[in-house]
Amino acid sequence: MFIDESIITIKAGDGGNGCISFRKEKYVPKGGPDGGDGGGGGDVIFVASHDMQTLLDFKYKHIFQSENGEHGLGSKMHGKNAKPLYIKVPPGTEIYDSKTGKLLADLNMDKAHYVALEGGRGGRGNTRFTSSLRHAPRYCEMGEEGRTLEVKLVLKLIADIGLVGFPNAGKSTILSKISKATPKIANYPFTTLSPNLGVVKLAYNKIFVVADIPGIIEGAHEGAGLGNKFLKHIERTRGIVYVIDMTGFERSDPLSDLKTLQKELKSYSKKLASLPFIIAANKMDIPDSQDHYKEFIKKLRRLKAFKETEVVEISGLSGLHMHEFTEKMFELKLSSEVIKEPEPNEIEEKITINSKNANGAQSLGTPYAQIEAGRRRRAKRSAVKVDKLTTGKYRIICPELESEVKRINFKADDSLYYFKHMLKRYMIDKCLKKAGAISGDTVYIDELVFDYQDE
């Protein structure tokens, strides 16, 4: 079964809690705090691997969760960092935020990585809260909760050449003849219900990949026939081969077929229509095909856009001129430039990630190192916003503060001291006064509710 789209939910591991502990050794009076930090939660990392050919694995499993970090212990023992969760996907997989539709990553080569979610930071043990004023803090932090994200995976096959044509044009037969691919072949429309890939080897240093795209009909870009479901699989190709049936049995005008195919590609993507191409005049071993071919060439050369177009007479069934045809395809691959990534105005902030420019991701050849909290680049603190809900009720909006509040361990003896210290760092008192709050008013920070006291 060929699956090229799937929606899954991923969750990073939670950070482990810090520890409240004090040295209790017989000959060490007033040993002081020795609570260790919690370990970091596991990251969620997508890895492109040739072991995967489709997104079938994600049809039955939709939730992927990384491990949580271990809690800190006494004797300043740091909790163990959780191992990252690697999710294998086929090369050519694009990862989107399913809610916003934003493209997060394009894993367009083998061993490409994308760190989709970082694990939650581990909470600090009470050792980290000592100061000149507080020698024995009875407080530790809770581990940071790992983020959850719903992503859409879209597979776009990676091939050098794409075979494009109407149903029954003979694309599958051609692919089976020039490669070891074994697509389903029969004499009825839409025999091919999924894209097929074939590797063509002319010599040890002349190898390329050909994709057989299911039959396109007029209106395909709007969903007619098999619709635009498979058009995306030729977006990454370097060149296109238009396979045209010359028998005239099912379609009487080969030139009209060619124009319709180009129109459909252009309607789907202008980039596709601009790719270099050649024309394969197929089924030339059938009687009367020569007459149709001569008329086709005569009309084709009259059109300025096709005067220099390469046309190869072939027969996928009998193997007529197949060697010449494959050589032409290899030349098409060499002469064409690699498809350029869309401009920023086409896809906002597109990130193409591979083993060389992975924005922090690493090649599979190097063991992945868990990203420590101190090394992570955190977003710049956003401004604190105070919303007046009703008379005497205010809500504080600040993502960074909300995240820190979740880590406050209110079960600890000294929690209120550190909570007040946190509010001072964010200048919450000043913001509430400016909004008109007075002592006794109710303040909300995410799910936390407390009474405001003017200091």
Protein backbone atom coordinates (compact mmCIF):
# COMPACT_ATOMS: atom_id res chain seq x y z
CA MET A 1 0.00 0.00 0.00
CA PHE A 2 1.38 3.40 -1.00
CA ILE A 3 0.76 6.08 1.64
CA ASP A 4 2.19 9.54 0.95
CA GLU A 5 0.40 11.68 3.55
CA SER A 6 -0.19 11.22 7.26
CA ILE A 7 -0.98 13.30 10.33
CA ILE A 8 0.70 12.32 13.60
CA THR A 9 1.10 13.77 17.09
CA ILE A 10 4.55 14.02 18.63
CA LYS A 11 5.49 14.84 22.22
CA ALA A 12 8.87 15.63 23.68
CA GLY A 13 9.83 14.06 27.01
CA ASP A 14 9.28 15.93 30.27
CA GLY A 15 12.27 17.07 32.25
CA GLY A 16 12.96 15.33 35.56
CA ASN A 17 12.28 17.14 38.84
CA GLY A 18 15.06 18.59 40.93
CA CYS A 19 15.77 17.15 44.39
CA ILE A 20 15.65 18.65 47.88
CA SER A 21 18.35 16.93 49.91
CA PHE A 22 20.88 17.72 52.66
CA ARG A 23 24.08 15.95 53.60
CA LYS A 24 23.54 13.77 56.67
CA GLU A 25 26.94 12.33 57.45
CA LYS A 26 28.01 11.51 60.97
CA TYR A 27 31.10 13.71 61.09
CA VAL A 28 29.90 16.47 58.74
CA PRO A 29 27.76 18.82 60.84
CA LYS A 30 25.59 21.25 58.85
CA GLY A 31 26.56 19.51 55.63
CA GLY A 32 24.39 21.76 53.54
CA PRO A 33 22.16 21.12 50.52
CA ASP A 34 23.15 18.45 48.00
CA GLY A 35 20.03 17.95 45.88
CA GLY A 36 20.82 17.15 42.23
CA ASP A 37 19.18 18.46 39.06
CA GLY A 38 16.64 16.51 37.05
CA GLY A 39 17.58 15.10 33.65
CA GLY A 40 16.43 16.61 30.38
CA GLY A 41 13.52 15.04 28.52
CA GLY A 42 14.10 13.30 25.20
CA ASP A 43 13.98 15.24 21.93
CA VAL A 44 11.85 14.16 18.96
CA ILE A 45 13.95 13.91 15.80
CA PHE A 46 12.86 13.02 12.28
CA VAL A 47 15.47 11.14 10.25
CA ALA A 48 15.31 10.50 6.51
CA SER A 49 16.25 6.90 5.75
CA HIS A 50 16.28 4.82 2.58
CA ASP A 51 14.90 1.99 4.72
CA MET A 52 11.52 3.70 4.34
CA GLN A 53 9.72 3.92 1.00
CA THR A 54 6.27 5.17 2.02
CA LEU A 55 4.51 6.58 5.09
CA LEU A 56 2.66 3.30 5.67
CA ASP A 57 4.07 2.96 9.21
CA PHE A 58 2.17 6.08 10.22
CA LYS A 59 -1.20 4.72 9.06
CA TYR A 60 -1.58 2.60 12.19
CA LYS A 61 0.43 4.55 14.75
CA HIS A 62 -0.35 8.23 15.21
CA ILE A 63 1.21 9.17 18.56
CA PHE A 64 4.95 9.25 19.18
CA GLN A 65 6.28 10.22 22.61
CA SER A 66 9.85 10.53 23.78
CA GLU A 67 11.03 9.37 27.22
CA ASN A 68 11.04 11.60 30.29
CA GLY A 69 14.19 12.64 32.09
CA GLU A 70 14.97 11.04 35.46
CA HIS A 71 14.57 12.99 38.69
CA GLY A 72 17.57 14.36 40.54
CA LEU A 73 18.87 12.59 43.66
CA GLY A 74 20.81 13.41 46.79
CA SER A 75 24.60 13.65 46.86
CA LYS A 76 24.30 16.09 43.92
CA MET A 77 23.43 13.25 41.58
CA HIS A 78 22.09 14.55 38.27
CA GLY A 79 19.10 12.71 36.85
CA LYS A 80 19.79 10.83 33.62
CA ASN A 81 18.96 12.64 30.40
CA ALA A 82 16.41 10.76 28.30
CA LYS A 83 17.48 9.44 24.92
CA PRO A 84 16.02 11.21 21.89
CA LEU A 85 13.23 9.55 19.93
CA TYR A 86 14.21 9.03 16.29
CA ILE A 87 11.33 8.80 13.82
CA LYS A 88 12.35 7.39 10.44
CA VAL A 89 10.73 8.82 7.31
CA PRO A 90 11.48 8.31 3.60
CA PRO A 91 13.83 10.81 1.91
CA GLY A 92 11.70 13.48 0.29
CA THR A 93 9.36 13.90 3.26
CA GLU A 94 8.12 17.38 4.09
CA ILE A 95 7.02 18.14 7.64
CA TYR A 96 4.24 20.68 8.21
CA ASP A 97 2.57 22.12 11.28
CA SER A 98 -0.90 20.64 10.74
CA LYS A 99 -2.61 23.57 12.49
CA THR A 100 -0.97 26.47 10.63
CA GLY A 101 0.14 24.69 7.46
CA LYS A 102 3.64 26.10 7.88
CA LEU A 103 6.47 24.05 6.38
CA LEU A 104 8.84 23.10 9.21
CA ALA A 105 11.40 20.99 7.36
CA ASP A 106 12.14 19.30 4.05
CA LEU A 107 14.17 16.12 4.52
CA ASN A 108 15.25 15.86 0.91
CA MET A 109 18.21 13.51 1.25
CA ASP A 110 19.22 10.33 3.06
CA LYS A 111 20.33 10.78 6.69
CA ALA A 112 18.90 14.29 6.93
CA HIS A 113 17.78 15.23 10.45
CA TYR A 114 15.22 17.62 11.87
CA VAL A 115 14.85 18.23 15.61
CA ALA A 116 11.09 18.79 15.70
CA LEU A 117 10.78 19.18 19.49
CA GLU A 118 13.36 19.65 22.22
CA GLY A 119 12.81 17.77 25.45
CA GLY A 120 11.80 19.64 28.57
CA ARG A 121 14.57 21.02 30.76
CA GLY A 122 15.29 19.26 34.01
CA GLY A 123 14.42 21.05 37.23
CA ARG A 124 17.21 22.41 39.43
CA GLY A 125 17.95 20.81 42.78
CA ASN A 126 18.16 22.80 46.00
CA THR A 127 21.96 22.97 45.65
CA ARG A 128 21.43 25.49 42.83
CA PHE A 129 19.41 27.87 45.02
CA THR A 130 21.99 28.59 47.71
CA SER A 131 22.99 32.21 48.19
CA SER A 132 24.70 34.42 50.76
CA LEU A 133 21.30 34.95 52.39
CA ARG A 134 19.89 31.43 52.10
CA HIS A 135 22.37 28.73 53.00
CA ALA A 136 19.88 25.89 53.27
CA PRO A 137 17.10 26.38 50.70
CA ARG A 138 14.23 23.96 50.97
CA TYR A 139 13.21 24.34 47.38
CA CYS A 140 13.72 22.70 44.01
CA GLU A 141 12.29 23.15 40.54
CA MET A 142 9.85 20.88 38.74
CA GLY A 143 10.91 19.54 35.37
CA GLU A 144 9.73 21.38 32.28
CA GLU A 145 6.86 19.72 30.45
CA GLY A 146 7.72 18.55 26.95
CA ARG A 147 5.83 20.25 24.13
CA THR A 148 3.23 18.47 22.02
CA LEU A 149 2.84 19.12 18.30
CA GLU A 150 0.60 17.74 15.58
CA VAL A 151 2.45 17.50 12.28
CA LYS A 152 1.50 16.52 8.75
CA LEU A 153 3.95 14.39 6.82
CA VAL A 154 3.89 14.72 3.04
CA LEU A 155 6.07 12.46 0.90
CA LYS A 156 7.31 13.72 -2.45
CA LEU A 157 9.30 11.08 -4.26
CA ILE A 158 12.84 11.97 -5.26
CA ALA A 159 13.59 11.05 -8.88
CA ASP A 160 15.76 12.50 -11.63
CA ILE A 161 13.23 12.02 -14.44
CA GLY A 162 9.44 11.92 -14.31
CA LEU A 163 7.35 10.05 -16.88
CA VAL A 164 4.16 12.01 -17.56
CA GLY A 165 1.34 10.93 -19.84
CA PHE A 166 -2.31 10.06 -20.18
CA PRO A 167 -3.67 6.70 -18.94
CA ASN A 168 -2.57 3.80 -21.15
CA ALA A 169 0.19 5.86 -22.76
CA GLY A 170 2.65 3.11 -21.83
CA LYS A 171 4.61 4.67 -18.98
CA SER A 172 4.59 1.55 -16.79
CA THR A 173 5.69 -0.64 -19.71
CA ILE A 174 8.58 1.75 -20.40
CA LEU A 175 9.64 1.73 -16.75
CA SER A 176 9.59 -2.07 -16.61
CA LYS A 177 11.71 -2.21 -19.77
CA ILE A 178 14.44 0.25 -18.74
CA SER A 179 14.71 -0.79 -15.08
CA LYS A 180 13.99 -3.71 -12.77
CA ALA A 181 10.82 -2.10 -11.50
CA THR A 182 7.70 -4.28 -11.79
CA PRO A 183 4.67 -1.96 -11.95
CA LYS A 184 1.21 -3.35 -12.60
CA ILE A 185 0.48 -3.31 -16.36
CA ALA A 186 -2.90 -3.82 -18.00
CA ASN A 187 -4.98 -2.34 -20.81
CA TYR A 188 -7.40 -0.17 -18.86
CA PRO A 189 -7.29 3.38 -17.46
CA PHE A 190 -5.55 4.06 -14.16
CA THR A 191 -3.76 0.72 -14.00
CA THR A 192 -1.09 2.51 -11.98
CA LEU A 193 -2.66 3.66 -8.73
CA SER A 194 0.56 4.80 -7.09
CA PRO A 195 3.89 6.25 -8.27
CA ASN A 196 6.59 3.74 -9.13
CA LEU A 197 10.33 4.30 -9.03
CA GLY A 198 12.89 2.56 -11.19
CA VAL A 199 16.67 2.81 -11.15
CA VAL A 200 18.20 2.91 -14.63
CA LYS A 201 21.85 1.86 -14.90
CA LEU A 202 23.60 2.51 -18.22
CA ALA A 203 27.13 2.11 -16.83
CA TYR A 204 28.77 2.04 -13.41
CA ASN A 205 28.89 5.86 -13.40
CA LYS A 206 25.68 6.50 -15.37
CA ILE A 207 22.78 5.83 -13.02
CA PHE A 208 19.55 7.75 -12.58
CA VAL A 209 16.09 7.30 -11.06
CA VAL A 210 12.87 7.45 -13.09
CA ALA A 211 9.39 7.96 -11.62
CA ASP A 212 6.25 6.64 -13.33
CA ILE A 213 3.48 9.03 -12.32
CA PRO A 214 -0.12 7.71 -12.50
CA GLY A 215 -2.08 8.86 -15.55
CA ILE A 216 -3.00 12.51 -15.75
CA ILE A 217 -6.20 13.64 -17.43
CA GLU A 218 -7.59 17.04 -18.28
CA GLY A 219 -8.55 18.84 -15.07
CA ALA A 220 -6.14 16.78 -12.95
CA HIS A 221 -4.84 19.89 -11.14
CA GLU A 222 -8.39 20.43 -9.84
CA GLY A 223 -8.79 16.82 -8.74
CA ALA A 224 -10.22 15.15 -11.86
CA GLY A 225 -9.38 11.47 -12.37
CA LEU A 226 -6.66 10.60 -9.91
CA GLY A 227 -6.49 14.35 -9.43
CA ASN A 228 -3.52 16.22 -8.08
CA LYS A 229 -2.86 13.44 -5.58
CA PHE A 230 0.31 12.35 -7.37
CA LEU A 231 1.33 15.53 -9.20
CA LYS A 232 3.46 16.48 -6.21
CA HIS A 233 5.72 13.49 -6.87
CA ILE A 234 7.25 15.12 -9.94
CA GLU A 235 8.02 18.42 -8.20
CA ARG A 236 11.54 17.26 -7.32
CA THR A 237 12.46 15.86 -10.74
CA ARG A 238 15.17 17.49 -12.84
CA GLY A 239 13.45 16.78 -16.12
CA ILE A 240 10.22 15.45 -17.60
CA VAL A 241 9.51 12.93 -20.33
CA TYR A 242 6.12 13.38 -21.97
CA VAL A 243 4.99 9.92 -23.09
CA ILE A 244 2.63 10.32 -26.05
CA ASP A 245 0.61 7.45 -27.57
CA MET A 246 1.03 7.53 -31.36
CA THR A 247 -1.49 4.81 -32.27
CA GLY A 248 -4.52 7.09 -32.32
CA PHE A 249 -6.71 4.30 -30.92
CA GLU A 250 -7.84 6.08 -27.75
CA ARG A 251 -6.75 9.66 -28.46
CA SER A 252 -6.67 10.93 -32.01
CA ASP A 253 -4.53 14.08 -31.63
CA PRO A 254 -1.06 13.55 -30.06
CA LEU A 255 -0.21 17.28 -30.17
CA SER A 256 -3.39 18.12 -28.28
CA ASP A 257 -2.38 15.51 -25.68
CA LEU A 258 1.01 17.17 -25.26
CA LYS A 259 -0.52 20.63 -24.85
CA THR A 260 -3.05 19.34 -22.32
CA LEU A 261 -0.35 17.65 -20.24
CA GLN A 262 1.74 20.83 -20.18
CA LYS A 263 -1.33 22.86 -19.27
CA GLU A 264 -2.11 20.60 -16.33
CA LEU A 265 1.45 20.79 -15.01
CA LYS A 266 1.50 24.56 -15.38
CA SER A 267 -1.84 24.89 -13.60
CA TYR A 268 -0.49 22.83 -10.72
CA SER A 269 2.92 24.50 -10.57
CA LYS A 270 4.62 26.95 -12.94
CA LYS A 271 7.93 25.49 -11.81
CA LEU A 272 6.96 22.09 -13.23
CA ALA A 273 6.02 23.51 -16.61
CA SER A 274 9.40 25.26 -16.82
CA LEU A 275 11.44 22.06 -16.32
CA PRO A 276 13.45 20.79 -19.32
CA PHE A 277 11.74 17.96 -21.15
CA ILE A 278 11.84 15.55 -24.06
CA ILE A 279 9.02 13.76 -25.86
CA ALA A 280 8.74 9.97 -26.14
CA ALA A 281 6.60 9.02 -29.15
CA ASN A 282 5.50 5.62 -27.87
CA LYS A 283 4.00 2.50 -29.52
CA MET A 284 5.80 3.10 -32.80
CA ASP A 285 5.72 -0.64 -33.54
CA ILE A 286 1.94 -0.44 -34.13
CA PRO A 287 0.67 -0.08 -37.74
CA ASP A 288 -0.41 3.45 -38.67
CA SER A 289 1.71 4.95 -35.84
CA GLN A 290 4.20 6.26 -38.42
CA ASP A 291 1.46 8.27 -40.17
CA HIS A 292 0.32 9.80 -36.88
CA TYR A 293 3.94 10.48 -35.93
CA LYS A 294 4.71 12.34 -39.18
CA GLU A 295 1.62 14.50 -38.76
CA PHE A 296 2.56 15.12 -35.12
CA ILE A 297 6.11 16.24 -36.01
CA LYS A 298 4.82 18.44 -38.83
CA LYS A 299 2.46 20.30 -36.48
CA LEU A 300 4.98 20.35 -33.64
CA ARG A 301 7.73 22.09 -35.64
CA ARG A 302 5.36 24.86 -36.64
CA LEU A 303 5.10 25.90 -33.01
CA LYS A 304 7.90 28.15 -31.83
CA ALA A 305 7.94 26.62 -28.35
CA PHE A 306 8.66 23.12 -29.73
CA LYS A 307 11.04 23.81 -32.63
CA GLU A 308 14.10 22.52 -30.75
CA THR A 309 12.31 19.89 -28.67
CA GLU A 310 13.89 16.43 -28.67
CA VAL A 311 11.50 13.70 -29.87
CA VAL A 312 12.43 10.00 -29.62
CA GLU A 313 10.53 7.23 -31.41
CA ILE A 314 10.19 4.25 -29.07
CA SER A 315 8.14 1.20 -28.22
CA GLY A 316 7.97 0.16 -24.59
CA LEU A 317 6.59 -3.24 -25.55
CA SER A 318 9.10 -4.26 -28.23
CA GLY A 319 12.04 -2.26 -26.85
CA LEU A 320 12.43 -0.17 -30.01
CA HIS A 321 15.19 2.49 -29.57
CA MET A 322 15.20 1.96 -25.80
CA HIS A 323 18.96 2.35 -25.46
CA GLU A 324 18.91 5.64 -27.35
CA PHE A 325 15.94 6.74 -25.25
CA THR A 326 17.69 6.05 -21.92
CA GLU A 327 20.80 7.90 -23.14
CA LYS A 328 18.62 10.91 -23.95
CA MET A 329 17.12 10.77 -20.46
CA PHE A 330 20.57 10.67 -18.88
CA GLU A 331 21.61 13.70 -20.97
CA LEU A 332 18.44 15.45 -19.79
CA LYS A 333 19.44 14.78 -16.22
CA LEU A 334 22.96 16.15 -16.74
CA SER A 335 21.89 19.24 -18.65
CA SER A 336 19.18 20.23 -16.22
CA GLU A 337 19.88 22.21 -13.10
CA VAL A 338 18.81 21.06 -9.66
CA ILE A 339 15.43 22.51 -8.83
CA LYS A 340 15.82 25.70 -6.83
CA GLU A 341 13.95 26.03 -3.58
CA PRO A 342 10.93 28.36 -3.67
CA GLU A 343 11.52 31.98 -2.80
CA PRO A 344 10.60 33.13 0.72
CA ASN A 345 7.41 34.74 -0.60
CA GLU A 346 6.29 31.34 -1.94
CA ILE A 347 6.89 29.37 1.24
CA GLU A 348 7.54 31.35 4.40
CA GLU A 349 10.75 30.49 6.19
CA LYS A 350 11.26 27.18 4.40
CA ILE A 351 14.02 25.15 6.00
CA THR A 352 15.85 22.65 3.84
CA ILE A 353 17.75 20.36 6.15
CA ASN A 354 20.44 17.90 5.21
CA SER A 355 23.54 16.46 6.81
CA LYS A 356 25.55 19.57 5.90
CA ASN A 357 23.21 22.45 6.77
CA ALA A 358 21.00 21.02 9.43
CA ASN A 359 20.55 23.98 11.82
CA GLY A 360 21.83 21.96 14.75
CA ALA A 361 20.91 18.55 13.39
CA GLN A 362 23.74 16.11 12.87
CA SER A 363 24.63 13.37 10.44
CA LEU A 364 23.78 9.83 11.47
CA GLY A 365 27.49 9.10 11.30
CA THR A 366 27.97 11.16 14.48
CA PRO A 367 26.25 10.06 17.70
CA TYR A 368 23.53 12.55 18.55
CA ALA A 369 24.41 14.56 21.65
CA GLN A 370 21.54 15.53 23.88
CA ILE A 371 21.17 19.31 23.79
CA GLU A 372 21.80 20.60 27.30
CA ALA A 373 19.59 23.31 28.73
CA GLY A 374 22.48 25.76 28.95
CA ARG A 375 23.34 25.32 25.27
CA ARG A 376 19.83 25.69 23.93
CA ARG A 377 18.94 28.92 22.28
CA ARG A 378 15.82 30.16 23.99
CA ALA A 379 13.58 32.74 22.37
CA LYS A 380 14.01 36.34 23.47
CA ARG A 381 11.75 37.12 26.43
CA SER A 382 8.47 38.61 25.21
CA ALA A 383 6.87 41.63 26.85
CA VAL A 384 4.48 41.12 29.75
CA LYS A 385 0.88 41.91 28.86
CA VAL A 386 -1.89 42.45 31.43
CA ASP A 387 -5.52 41.95 30.36
CA LYS A 388 -8.32 43.25 32.58
CA LEU A 389 -10.99 40.54 32.56
CA THR A 390 -13.60 42.15 34.82
CA THR A 391 -13.51 44.48 37.79
CA GLY A 392 -10.86 43.15 40.18
CA LYS A 393 -9.67 40.35 37.86
CA TYR A 394 -6.53 40.45 35.69
CA ARG A 395 -4.75 37.94 33.48
CA ILE A 396 -1.00 38.13 32.90
CA ILE A 397 0.11 36.97 29.44
CA CYS A 398 3.76 36.11 28.92
CA PRO A 399 4.74 32.70 27.47
CA GLU A 400 8.10 32.61 29.25
CA LEU A 401 6.58 33.45 32.63
CA GLU A 402 3.81 30.90 32.13
CA SER A 403 6.44 28.26 31.42
CA GLU A 404 8.41 29.16 34.55
CA VAL A 405 5.30 29.19 36.74
CA LYS A 406 4.61 25.58 35.72
CA ARG A 407 8.02 24.67 37.14
CA ILE A 408 7.37 26.20 40.57
CA ASN A 409 7.25 23.45 43.18
CA PHE A 410 4.58 24.83 45.50
CA LYS A 411 4.87 21.77 47.73
CA ALA A 412 8.32 22.91 48.83
CA ASP A 413 8.68 24.97 52.02
CA ASP A 414 10.38 27.96 50.37
CA SER A 415 8.25 28.02 47.20
CA LEU A 416 6.55 31.35 47.95
CA TYR A 417 9.89 33.08 48.42
CA TYR A 418 11.08 31.99 44.98
CA PHE A 419 7.70 32.68 43.40
CA LYS A 420 7.82 36.28 44.63
CA HIS A 421 11.39 36.55 43.38
CA MET A 422 10.23 35.38 39.95
CA LEU A 423 7.45 37.98 39.85
CA LYS A 424 9.98 40.69 40.67
CA ARG A 425 12.23 39.61 37.80
CA TYR A 426 9.33 40.04 35.40
CA MET A 427 8.27 43.31 37.11
CA ILE A 428 4.73 42.00 37.51
CA ASP A 429 3.97 44.43 40.38
CA LYS A 430 4.75 47.39 38.13
CA CYS A 431 2.66 46.00 35.27
CA LEU A 432 -0.35 45.34 37.51
CA LYS A 433 -0.20 48.82 39.06
CA LYS A 434 -0.10 50.32 35.59
CA ALA A 435 -3.19 48.30 34.65
CA GLY A 436 -5.02 49.65 37.74
CA ALA A 437 -4.84 46.62 40.05
CA ILE A 438 -5.15 47.11 43.81
CA SER A 439 -4.53 44.81 46.79
CA GLY A 440 -7.02 41.98 46.97
CA ASP A 441 -7.61 41.74 43.21
CA THR A 442 -7.44 38.29 41.59
CA VAL A 443 -4.58 37.58 39.20
CA TYR A 444 -4.36 34.70 36.71
CA ILE A 445 -1.15 33.34 35.19
CA ASP A 446 -2.16 30.44 32.96
CA GLU A 447 -3.88 28.03 35.42
CA LEU A 448 -2.40 29.67 38.55
CA VAL A 449 -4.68 31.99 40.55
CA PHE A 450 -3.55 34.25 43.42
CA ASP A 451 -4.53 37.47 45.22
CA TYR A 452 -2.49 40.55 44.42
CA GLN A 453 -0.80 42.39 47.30
CA ASP A 454 0.55 45.88 46.58
CA GLU A 455 4.10 46.01 47.89
